[in-house]
Amino acid sequence: MAYELTYVERIQYKRRQDAAYEAGEDAVTNLQAALALADLTLPSLSNDGPVASHGFVRLGGCNADFANRLAEVIAAGAGALQHQR
């Protein structure tokens, strides 16, 4: 016989899923804003909904030029962070 969640467990699960969805939405918004600062856009960037009660962001595909530019921006940012330490 399969275990059925209690009412309280269902509510707790729903709250975790909702929080994970919101975390994904926030992450998408934050990443879009950061990419915009570098004049970059990932058109397929989206919230993929909660996965195992964690926010999951779909980055999507991009061409090699975009990937190389993104790598440059990340490397520059990482370098700047190292100099701050």
C-alpha atoms as a PDB file:
ATOM      1  CA  MET A   1       0.000   0.000   0.000  1.00  0.00           C
ATOM      2  CA  ALA A   2       1.327   3.439  -0.939  1.00  0.00           C
ATOM      3  CA  TYR A   3       1.909   5.998   1.769  1.00  0.00           C
ATOM      4  CA  GLU A   4      -0.403   8.980   1.569  1.00  0.00           C
ATOM      5  CA  LEU A   5       0.714  12.330   2.893  1.00  0.00           C
ATOM      6  CA  THR A   6      -1.197  13.811   5.765  1.00  0.00           C
ATOM      7  CA  TYR A   7      -2.848  17.191   5.377  1.00  0.00           C
ATOM      8  CA  VAL A   8      -0.003  18.857   7.287  1.00  0.00           C
ATOM      9  CA  GLU A   9       2.620  17.099   5.148  1.00  0.00           C
ATOM     10  CA  ARG A  10       0.845  18.200   1.955  1.00  0.00           C
ATOM     11  CA  ILE A  11       0.798  21.807   3.169  1.00  0.00           C
ATOM     12  CA  GLN A  12       4.493  21.646   4.108  1.00  0.00           C
ATOM     13  CA  TYR A  13       5.356  20.116   0.733  1.00  0.00           C
ATOM     14  CA  LYS A  14       3.359  22.799  -1.094  1.00  0.00           C
ATOM     15  CA  ARG A  15       5.150  25.542   0.853  1.00  0.00           C
ATOM     16  CA  ARG A  16       8.566  24.048  -0.002  1.00  0.00           C
ATOM     17  CA  GLN A  17       7.585  23.788  -3.670  1.00  0.00           C
ATOM     18  CA  ASP A  18       6.287  27.371  -3.703  1.00  0.00           C
ATOM     19  CA  ALA A  19       9.479  28.631  -2.055  1.00  0.00           C
ATOM     20  CA  ALA A  20      11.588  26.693  -4.569  1.00  0.00           C
ATOM     21  CA  TYR A  21       9.586  28.158  -7.459  1.00  0.00           C
ATOM     22  CA  GLU A  22      10.084  31.680  -6.097  1.00  0.00           C
ATOM     23  CA  ALA A  23      13.806  31.007  -5.642  1.00  0.00           C
ATOM     24  CA  GLY A  24      13.965  30.024  -9.314  1.00  0.00           C
ATOM     25  CA  GLU A  25      12.106  33.182 -10.346  1.00  0.00           C
ATOM     26  CA  ASP A  26      14.461  35.322  -8.272  1.00  0.00           C
ATOM     27  CA  ALA A  27      17.506  33.582  -9.738  1.00  0.00           C
ATOM     28  CA  VAL A  28      16.254  34.171 -13.286  1.00  0.00           C
ATOM     29  CA  THR A  29      15.648  37.846 -12.543  1.00  0.00           C
ATOM     30  CA  ASN A  30      19.077  38.236 -10.921  1.00  0.00           C
ATOM     31  CA  LEU A  31      20.869  36.486 -13.779  1.00  0.00           C
ATOM     32  CA  GLN A  32      19.000  38.505 -16.420  1.00  0.00           C
ATOM     33  CA  ALA A  33      20.010  41.724 -14.657  1.00  0.00           C
ATOM     34  CA  ALA A  34      23.647  40.629 -14.348  1.00  0.00           C
ATOM     35  CA  LEU A  35      23.791  39.579 -17.995  1.00  0.00           C
ATOM     36  CA  ALA A  36      22.246  42.899 -19.028  1.00  0.00           C
ATOM     37  CA  LEU A  37      25.117  44.733 -17.296  1.00  0.00           C
ATOM     38  CA  ALA A  38      27.439  42.932 -19.721  1.00  0.00           C
ATOM     39  CA  ASP A  39      25.031  43.575 -22.630  1.00  0.00           C
ATOM     40  CA  LEU A  40      24.273  39.848 -22.851  1.00  0.00           C
ATOM     41  CA  THR A  41      20.918  38.098 -23.156  1.00  0.00           C
ATOM     42  CA  LEU A  42      20.029  34.426 -22.897  1.00  0.00           C
ATOM     43  CA  PRO A  43      16.658  34.319 -24.700  1.00  0.00           C
ATOM     44  CA  SER A  44      15.797  30.876 -23.368  1.00  0.00           C
ATOM     45  CA  LEU A  45      16.656  31.675 -19.729  1.00  0.00           C
ATOM     46  CA  SER A  46      13.659  30.598 -17.661  1.00  0.00           C
ATOM     47  CA  ASN A  47      12.437  29.195 -14.386  1.00  0.00           C
ATOM     48  CA  ASP A  48      11.991  25.470 -14.868  1.00  0.00           C
ATOM     49  CA  GLY A  49       9.978  25.088 -11.700  1.00  0.00           C
ATOM     50  CA  PRO A  50      10.896  23.292  -8.519  1.00  0.00           C
ATOM     51  CA  VAL A  51      12.952  20.109  -8.721  1.00  0.00           C
ATOM     52  CA  ALA A  52      13.216  18.145  -5.489  1.00  0.00           C
ATOM     53  CA  SER A  53      12.127  21.268  -3.581  1.00  0.00           C
ATOM     54  CA  HIS A  54      14.914  23.382  -5.116  1.00  0.00           C
ATOM     55  CA  GLY A  55      14.600  26.178  -7.631  1.00  0.00           C
ATOM     56  CA  PHE A  56      15.767  25.059 -11.060  1.00  0.00           C
ATOM     57  CA  VAL A  57      16.822  27.534 -13.750  1.00  0.00           C
ATOM     58  CA  ARG A  58      16.956  26.524 -17.396  1.00  0.00           C
ATOM     59  CA  LEU A  59      19.803  28.396 -19.051  1.00  0.00           C
ATOM     60  CA  GLY A  60      19.155  27.045 -22.530  1.00  0.00           C
ATOM     61  CA  GLY A  61      21.482  26.827 -25.452  1.00  0.00           C
ATOM     62  CA  CYS A  62      23.641  29.512 -26.978  1.00  0.00           C
ATOM     63  CA  ASN A  63      26.120  29.821 -29.776  1.00  0.00           C
ATOM     64  CA  ALA A  64      29.877  29.554 -29.295  1.00  0.00           C
ATOM     65  CA  ASP A  65      30.426  33.317 -29.556  1.00  0.00           C
ATOM     66  CA  PHE A  66      27.963  33.964 -26.756  1.00  0.00           C
ATOM     67  CA  ALA A  67      29.479  31.203 -24.593  1.00  0.00           C
ATOM     68  CA  ASN A  68      32.967  32.657 -25.090  1.00  0.00           C
ATOM     69  CA  ARG A  69      31.766  36.173 -24.231  1.00  0.00           C
ATOM     70  CA  LEU A  70      29.999  34.875 -21.132  1.00  0.00           C
ATOM     71  CA  ALA A  71      33.185  33.048 -20.107  1.00  0.00           C
ATOM     72  CA  GLU A  72      35.134  36.310 -20.462  1.00  0.00           C
ATOM     73  CA  VAL A  73      32.655  38.196 -18.293  1.00  0.00           C
ATOM     74  CA  ILE A  74      32.657  35.490 -15.616  1.00  0.00           C
ATOM     75  CA  ALA A  75      36.454  35.321 -15.615  1.00  0.00           C
ATOM     76  CA  ALA A  76      36.713  39.111 -15.296  1.00  0.00           C
ATOM     77  CA  GLY A  77      34.233  39.104 -12.427  1.00  0.00           C
ATOM     78  CA  ALA A  78      36.034  36.257 -10.698  1.00  0.00           C
ATOM     79  CA  GLY A  79      39.314  38.125 -11.073  1.00  0.00           C
ATOM     80  CA  ALA A  80      37.799  41.241  -9.565  1.00  0.00           C
ATOM     81  CA  LEU A  81      36.487  39.211  -6.606  1.00  0.00           C
ATOM     82  CA  GLN A  82      39.929  37.714  -5.986  1.00  0.00           C
ATOM     83  CA  HIS A  83      41.471  41.185  -5.867  1.00  0.00           C
ATOM     84  CA  GLN A  84      38.919  42.249  -3.234  1.00  0.00           C
ATOM     85  CA  ARG A  85      39.968  39.487  -0.834  1.00  0.00           C
END
